[in-house]
Amino acid sequence: MSVAESGEAVVEVRISARPALIPTVRAVASDLAGRADFDLDAISDLRMAVDEACTTLIGVADQDEVLSCRFVLATDRIEVTVSAKAEPTLTSVNTDSFGWRVLETLADEVSTGRGIDSAPDSLFIQLTKHAGAVQ
């Protein structure tokens, strides 16, 4: 765990881009939300949103690549950035899929893009989940 410039705690998990390892990231998301006093519904929503974001990016990443999941813990929310190196021909995550609709439902804010942390060939999904009801 580290501390961001704003004083917020940061936890980053890096795993091989393999579906069998997603439960580990889900467990981290649940634990962090529980420690941040999220209610049970918000914990469940965050866990499922992180699962969907990881599954989506693993679907476009090479199996030999690393999936990074960065959690920034603020007083009233958790911001999550999931990223993985993808083929240069992919410019963004498909936002017309059922999985994307699930993400939009579970997270309070969600976005996607290409190029993060000086890795121009990475795709990322960013999501925010508030501790209580949608703000």
C-alpha atoms as a PDB file:
ATOM      1  CA  MET A   1       0.000   0.000   0.000  1.00  0.00           C
ATOM      2  CA  SER A   2       1.212   3.510  -0.728  1.00  0.00           C
ATOM      3  CA  VAL A   3      -0.115   7.008  -0.213  1.00  0.00           C
ATOM      4  CA  ALA A   4      -1.127   9.184  -3.149  1.00  0.00           C
ATOM      5  CA  GLU A   5      -0.218  12.885  -3.257  1.00  0.00           C
ATOM      6  CA  SER A   6      -3.690  13.708  -1.951  1.00  0.00           C
ATOM      7  CA  GLY A   7      -3.150  11.543   1.129  1.00  0.00           C
ATOM      8  CA  GLU A   8      -5.427   8.785  -0.115  1.00  0.00           C
ATOM      9  CA  ALA A   9      -4.271   5.193   0.365  1.00  0.00           C
ATOM     10  CA  VAL A  10      -3.381   3.267  -2.789  1.00  0.00           C
ATOM     11  CA  VAL A  11      -3.346  -0.512  -3.202  1.00  0.00           C
ATOM     12  CA  GLU A  12      -2.208  -2.112  -6.447  1.00  0.00           C
ATOM     13  CA  VAL A  13      -2.541  -5.764  -7.366  1.00  0.00           C
ATOM     14  CA  ARG A  14      -0.803  -7.224 -10.419  1.00  0.00           C
ATOM     15  CA  ILE A  15      -1.697 -10.676 -11.689  1.00  0.00           C
ATOM     16  CA  SER A  16      -1.160 -12.704 -14.824  1.00  0.00           C
ATOM     17  CA  ALA A  17      -3.974 -11.961 -17.266  1.00  0.00           C
ATOM     18  CA  ARG A  18      -5.744 -15.259 -16.595  1.00  0.00           C
ATOM     19  CA  PRO A  19      -9.375 -15.755 -15.573  1.00  0.00           C
ATOM     20  CA  ALA A  20      -8.429 -18.183 -12.789  1.00  0.00           C
ATOM     21  CA  LEU A  21      -6.772 -15.329 -10.865  1.00  0.00           C
ATOM     22  CA  ILE A  22      -9.724 -12.907 -10.883  1.00  0.00           C
ATOM     23  CA  PRO A  23     -11.106 -14.202  -7.542  1.00  0.00           C
ATOM     24  CA  THR A  24      -7.961 -12.833  -5.872  1.00  0.00           C
ATOM     25  CA  VAL A  25      -8.680  -9.316  -7.127  1.00  0.00           C
ATOM     26  CA  ARG A  26     -12.354  -9.668  -6.175  1.00  0.00           C
ATOM     27  CA  ALA A  27     -11.313 -10.615  -2.642  1.00  0.00           C
ATOM     28  CA  VAL A  28      -9.065  -7.556  -2.380  1.00  0.00           C
ATOM     29  CA  ALA A  29     -11.911  -5.300  -3.590  1.00  0.00           C
ATOM     30  CA  SER A  30     -14.316  -6.781  -1.018  1.00  0.00           C
ATOM     31  CA  ASP A  31     -11.827  -6.503   1.815  1.00  0.00           C
ATOM     32  CA  LEU A  32     -10.930  -2.882   1.039  1.00  0.00           C
ATOM     33  CA  ALA A  33     -14.597  -1.877   0.783  1.00  0.00           C
ATOM     34  CA  GLY A  34     -15.413  -3.653   4.041  1.00  0.00           C
ATOM     35  CA  ARG A  35     -12.564  -1.922   5.858  1.00  0.00           C
ATOM     36  CA  ALA A  36     -13.810   1.404   4.418  1.00  0.00           C
ATOM     37  CA  ASP A  37     -17.219   0.775   6.041  1.00  0.00           C
ATOM     38  CA  PHE A  38     -19.121   0.354   2.765  1.00  0.00           C
ATOM     39  CA  ASP A  39     -22.568  -1.157   3.222  1.00  0.00           C
ATOM     40  CA  LEU A  40     -23.117  -4.735   2.062  1.00  0.00           C
ATOM     41  CA  ASP A  41     -24.790  -3.706  -1.203  1.00  0.00           C
ATOM     42  CA  ALA A  42     -21.925  -1.358  -2.125  1.00  0.00           C
ATOM     43  CA  ILE A  43     -19.354  -4.058  -1.282  1.00  0.00           C
ATOM     44  CA  SER A  44     -21.174  -6.542  -3.502  1.00  0.00           C
ATOM     45  CA  ASP A  45     -21.502  -4.017  -6.339  1.00  0.00           C
ATOM     46  CA  LEU A  46     -17.800  -3.132  -6.171  1.00  0.00           C
ATOM     47  CA  ARG A  47     -16.761  -6.781  -6.117  1.00  0.00           C
ATOM     48  CA  MET A  48     -18.893  -7.579  -9.179  1.00  0.00           C
ATOM     49  CA  ALA A  49     -17.785  -4.415 -11.026  1.00  0.00           C
ATOM     50  CA  VAL A  50     -14.112  -5.252 -10.453  1.00  0.00           C
ATOM     51  CA  ASP A  51     -14.784  -8.800 -11.647  1.00  0.00           C
ATOM     52  CA  GLU A  52     -16.444  -7.521 -14.831  1.00  0.00           C
ATOM     53  CA  ALA A  53     -13.665  -4.992 -15.535  1.00  0.00           C
ATOM     54  CA  CYS A  54     -10.985  -7.670 -15.066  1.00  0.00           C
ATOM     55  CA  THR A  55     -12.879 -10.174 -17.214  1.00  0.00           C
ATOM     56  CA  THR A  56     -13.321  -7.607 -19.983  1.00  0.00           C
ATOM     57  CA  LEU A  57      -9.631  -6.707 -20.106  1.00  0.00           C
ATOM     58  CA  ILE A  58      -8.436 -10.290 -19.812  1.00  0.00           C
ATOM     59  CA  GLY A  59     -10.560 -10.963 -22.896  1.00  0.00           C
ATOM     60  CA  VAL A  60      -8.464  -8.543 -24.951  1.00  0.00           C
ATOM     61  CA  ALA A  61      -5.064  -9.076 -23.295  1.00  0.00           C
ATOM     62  CA  ASP A  62      -2.423 -11.594 -24.187  1.00  0.00           C
ATOM     63  CA  GLN A  63      -2.304 -14.495 -21.704  1.00  0.00           C
ATOM     64  CA  ASP A  64       1.368 -13.675 -21.048  1.00  0.00           C
ATOM     65  CA  GLU A  65       0.524 -10.098 -20.041  1.00  0.00           C
ATOM     66  CA  VAL A  66      -0.017  -8.581 -16.611  1.00  0.00           C
ATOM     67  CA  LEU A  67      -3.359  -7.248 -15.437  1.00  0.00           C
ATOM     68  CA  SER A  68      -3.007  -4.339 -13.044  1.00  0.00           C
ATOM     69  CA  CYS A  69      -5.762  -3.332 -10.646  1.00  0.00           C
ATOM     70  CA  ARG A  70      -5.179  -0.110  -8.716  1.00  0.00           C
ATOM     71  CA  PHE A  71      -7.462   0.882  -5.842  1.00  0.00           C
ATOM     72  CA  VAL A  72      -7.442   4.451  -4.500  1.00  0.00           C
ATOM     73  CA  LEU A  73      -9.252   4.698  -1.169  1.00  0.00           C
ATOM     74  CA  ALA A  74     -10.843   8.032  -0.357  1.00  0.00           C
ATOM     75  CA  THR A  75     -13.032   8.779   2.652  1.00  0.00           C
ATOM     76  CA  ASP A  76     -16.314   8.197   0.815  1.00  0.00           C
ATOM     77  CA  ARG A  77     -15.389   6.184  -2.268  1.00  0.00           C
ATOM     78  CA  ILE A  78     -13.013   3.723  -3.893  1.00  0.00           C
ATOM     79  CA  GLU A  79     -11.636   4.476  -7.337  1.00  0.00           C
ATOM     80  CA  VAL A  80     -10.432   1.487  -9.327  1.00  0.00           C
ATOM     81  CA  THR A  81      -8.292   1.420 -12.461  1.00  0.00           C
ATOM     82  CA  VAL A  82      -7.870  -1.928 -14.201  1.00  0.00           C
ATOM     83  CA  SER A  83      -5.387  -2.034 -17.080  1.00  0.00           C
ATOM     84  CA  ALA A  84      -3.664  -4.519 -19.362  1.00  0.00           C
ATOM     85  CA  LYS A  85      -1.535  -4.395 -22.485  1.00  0.00           C
ATOM     86  CA  ALA A  86      -3.655  -5.052 -25.558  1.00  0.00           C
ATOM     87  CA  GLU A  87      -3.102  -5.443 -29.279  1.00  0.00           C
ATOM     88  CA  PRO A  88      -2.244  -2.139 -30.982  1.00  0.00           C
ATOM     89  CA  THR A  89      -5.300  -2.504 -33.238  1.00  0.00           C
ATOM     90  CA  LEU A  90      -7.665  -2.238 -30.254  1.00  0.00           C
ATOM     91  CA  THR A  91      -8.272   1.412 -29.482  1.00  0.00           C
ATOM     92  CA  SER A  92     -10.789   0.975 -26.674  1.00  0.00           C
ATOM     93  CA  VAL A  93     -12.966  -1.439 -24.767  1.00  0.00           C
ATOM     94  CA  ASN A  94     -16.289  -2.313 -26.397  1.00  0.00           C
ATOM     95  CA  THR A  95     -18.862  -0.127 -24.662  1.00  0.00           C
ATOM     96  CA  ASP A  96     -21.781  -1.663 -26.554  1.00  0.00           C
ATOM     97  CA  SER A  97     -21.509  -5.022 -24.789  1.00  0.00           C
ATOM     98  CA  PHE A  98     -23.691  -6.511 -22.080  1.00  0.00           C
ATOM     99  CA  GLY A  99     -20.667  -6.521 -19.772  1.00  0.00           C
ATOM    100  CA  TRP A 100     -20.262  -2.765 -20.184  1.00  0.00           C
ATOM    101  CA  ARG A 101     -23.932  -2.243 -19.282  1.00  0.00           C
ATOM    102  CA  VAL A 102     -23.363  -4.333 -16.160  1.00  0.00           C
ATOM    103  CA  LEU A 103     -20.402  -2.114 -15.248  1.00  0.00           C
ATOM    104  CA  GLU A 104     -22.467   1.038 -15.735  1.00  0.00           C
ATOM    105  CA  THR A 105     -25.126  -0.389 -13.421  1.00  0.00           C
ATOM    106  CA  LEU A 106     -22.760  -1.519 -10.668  1.00  0.00           C
ATOM    107  CA  ALA A 107     -20.386   1.458 -10.557  1.00  0.00           C
ATOM    108  CA  ASP A 108     -21.302   5.058  -9.837  1.00  0.00           C
ATOM    109  CA  GLU A 109     -18.890   6.248 -12.546  1.00  0.00           C
ATOM    110  CA  VAL A 110     -17.157   4.260 -15.288  1.00  0.00           C
ATOM    111  CA  SER A 111     -14.916   5.137 -18.215  1.00  0.00           C
ATOM    112  CA  THR A 112     -12.416   3.512 -20.522  1.00  0.00           C
ATOM    113  CA  GLY A 113      -9.474   4.522 -22.630  1.00  0.00           C
ATOM    114  CA  ARG A 114      -6.097   3.668 -24.045  1.00  0.00           C
ATOM    115  CA  GLY A 115      -2.694   4.547 -22.643  1.00  0.00           C
ATOM    116  CA  ILE A 116      -2.079   4.775 -18.917  1.00  0.00           C
ATOM    117  CA  ASP A 117       0.975   5.109 -16.683  1.00  0.00           C
ATOM    118  CA  SER A 118       3.346   5.671 -19.607  1.00  0.00           C
ATOM    119  CA  ALA A 119       2.078   2.496 -21.304  1.00  0.00           C
ATOM    120  CA  PRO A 120       0.484   3.719 -24.560  1.00  0.00           C
ATOM    121  CA  ASP A 121      -0.494   0.180 -25.598  1.00  0.00           C
ATOM    122  CA  SER A 122      -2.569  -0.481 -22.466  1.00  0.00           C
ATOM    123  CA  LEU A 123      -6.337  -0.409 -22.330  1.00  0.00           C
ATOM    124  CA  PHE A 124      -7.911   0.613 -19.057  1.00  0.00           C
ATOM    125  CA  ILE A 125     -11.248   0.744 -17.310  1.00  0.00           C
ATOM    126  CA  GLN A 126     -11.739   3.231 -14.486  1.00  0.00           C
ATOM    127  CA  LEU A 127     -14.627   2.992 -12.083  1.00  0.00           C
ATOM    128  CA  THR A 128     -15.727   4.686  -8.907  1.00  0.00           C
ATOM    129  CA  LYS A 129     -17.947   3.253  -6.208  1.00  0.00           C
ATOM    130  CA  HIS A 130     -19.268   5.436  -3.381  1.00  0.00           C
ATOM    131  CA  ALA A 131     -19.650   4.058   0.137  1.00  0.00           C
ATOM    132  CA  GLY A 132     -23.413   4.528   0.246  1.00  0.00           C
ATOM    133  CA  ALA A 133     -26.096   5.450  -2.212  1.00  0.00           C
ATOM    134  CA  VAL A 134     -25.125   7.002  -5.542  1.00  0.00           C
ATOM    135  CA  GLN A 135     -23.944  10.565  -4.965  1.00  0.00           C
END
